[in-house]
Amino acid sequence: MKDEAEIIRAFVNGTDDLIHNVGSNGSIQYANSAWLHTLGYTNDELSDLKLKDFIFPGYLLTTEDAISQTLKGHKNKHFVTTFIT
């Protein structure tokens, strides 16, 4: 039987949804294969990327605010942003 981390990794990489993890400094720590393929990046490029590098400028402030509110424990029931490819 696969361990839980392997099952989660397979699920995340098997979806067409764009999934990424952003560190507290705005750096991209992880992105699934759909994210990499759709936005045109490679795993090697992730360490150089910051959130602000791929968010459309008109959405950057609202995106940063939504993340800040989430980190403070507030729930975001509806949140929309636009990525740059």
Protein backbone atom coordinates (compact mmCIF):
# COMPACT_ATOMS: atom_id res chain seq x y z
CA MET A 1 0.00 0.00 0.00
CA LYS A 2 1.26 3.47 -0.88
CA ASP A 3 1.80 5.87 1.95
CA GLU A 4 -0.52 8.84 2.30
CA ALA A 5 1.95 11.35 0.84
CA GLU A 6 2.30 9.29 -2.35
CA ILE A 7 -1.48 9.04 -2.72
CA ILE A 8 -1.89 12.80 -2.28
CA ARG A 9 0.96 13.53 -4.70
CA ALA A 10 -0.60 11.25 -7.33
CA PHE A 11 -3.99 12.92 -6.86
CA VAL A 12 -2.58 16.45 -7.11
CA ASN A 13 -0.47 15.64 -10.17
CA GLY A 14 -3.31 13.73 -11.83
CA THR A 15 -5.75 16.64 -11.91
CA ASP A 16 -6.16 19.26 -14.61
CA ASP A 17 -6.62 21.91 -11.90
CA LEU A 18 -3.72 24.30 -11.37
CA ILE A 19 -2.33 23.73 -7.88
CA HIS A 20 0.60 25.49 -6.29
CA ASN A 21 1.99 26.23 -2.86
CA VAL A 22 3.30 29.70 -2.05
CA GLY A 23 5.71 30.36 0.80
CA SER A 24 5.22 33.22 3.25
CA ASN A 25 7.77 35.27 1.26
CA GLY A 26 5.76 34.81 -1.94
CA SER A 27 8.05 32.17 -3.45
CA ILE A 28 6.55 29.23 -5.32
CA GLN A 29 7.45 26.13 -3.34
CA TYR A 30 5.50 23.58 -5.37
CA ALA A 31 3.42 23.46 -8.54
CA ASN A 32 1.66 20.46 -10.02
CA SER A 33 2.22 19.30 -13.59
CA ALA A 34 -0.98 20.99 -14.88
CA TRP A 35 0.20 24.32 -13.45
CA LEU A 36 3.66 23.95 -14.98
CA HIS A 37 2.30 22.90 -18.38
CA THR A 38 -0.48 25.51 -18.57
CA LEU A 39 1.65 28.44 -17.44
CA GLY A 40 4.74 27.31 -19.35
CA TYR A 41 7.24 26.87 -16.53
CA THR A 42 9.54 24.03 -15.48
CA ASN A 43 10.32 22.69 -12.01
CA ASP A 44 13.80 24.19 -12.32
CA GLU A 45 12.29 27.67 -12.72
CA LEU A 46 10.09 27.46 -9.61
CA SER A 47 12.80 28.49 -7.16
CA ASP A 48 13.20 31.81 -9.00
CA LEU A 49 9.46 32.60 -9.17
CA LYS A 50 7.49 34.81 -6.84
CA LEU A 51 3.72 35.14 -6.73
CA LYS A 52 3.91 38.61 -8.26
CA ASP A 53 5.70 37.18 -11.32
CA PHE A 54 2.64 35.37 -12.66
CA ILE A 55 -0.36 37.31 -11.34
CA PHE A 56 -1.87 39.80 -13.77
CA PRO A 57 -0.99 43.30 -12.44
CA GLY A 58 -4.64 44.33 -12.15
CA TYR A 59 -5.25 41.44 -9.73
CA LEU A 60 -2.04 41.62 -7.71
CA LEU A 61 -3.28 43.79 -4.83
CA THR A 62 -6.52 41.84 -4.36
CA THR A 63 -4.59 38.57 -4.56
CA GLU A 64 -2.06 39.70 -1.96
CA ASP A 65 -4.90 40.92 0.27
CA ALA A 66 -6.78 37.61 -0.02
CA ILE A 67 -3.63 35.69 0.91
CA SER A 68 -2.94 38.01 3.83
CA GLN A 69 -6.49 37.55 5.12
CA THR A 70 -6.23 33.78 4.76
CA LEU A 71 -2.95 33.73 6.71
CA LYS A 72 -4.73 35.66 9.47
CA GLY A 73 -7.34 32.91 9.67
CA HIS A 74 -10.13 34.55 7.68
CA LYS A 75 -12.06 32.44 5.18
CA ASN A 76 -12.23 33.47 1.53
CA LYS A 77 -15.43 31.99 0.17
CA HIS A 78 -14.95 33.47 -3.29
CA PHE A 79 -11.65 34.54 -4.73
CA VAL A 80 -10.68 35.21 -8.35
CA THR A 81 -7.31 36.06 -9.84
CA THR A 82 -5.71 35.92 -13.27
CA PHE A 83 -2.41 34.29 -14.11
CA ILE A 84 0.00 35.50 -16.76
CA THR A 85 1.35 32.82 -19.09
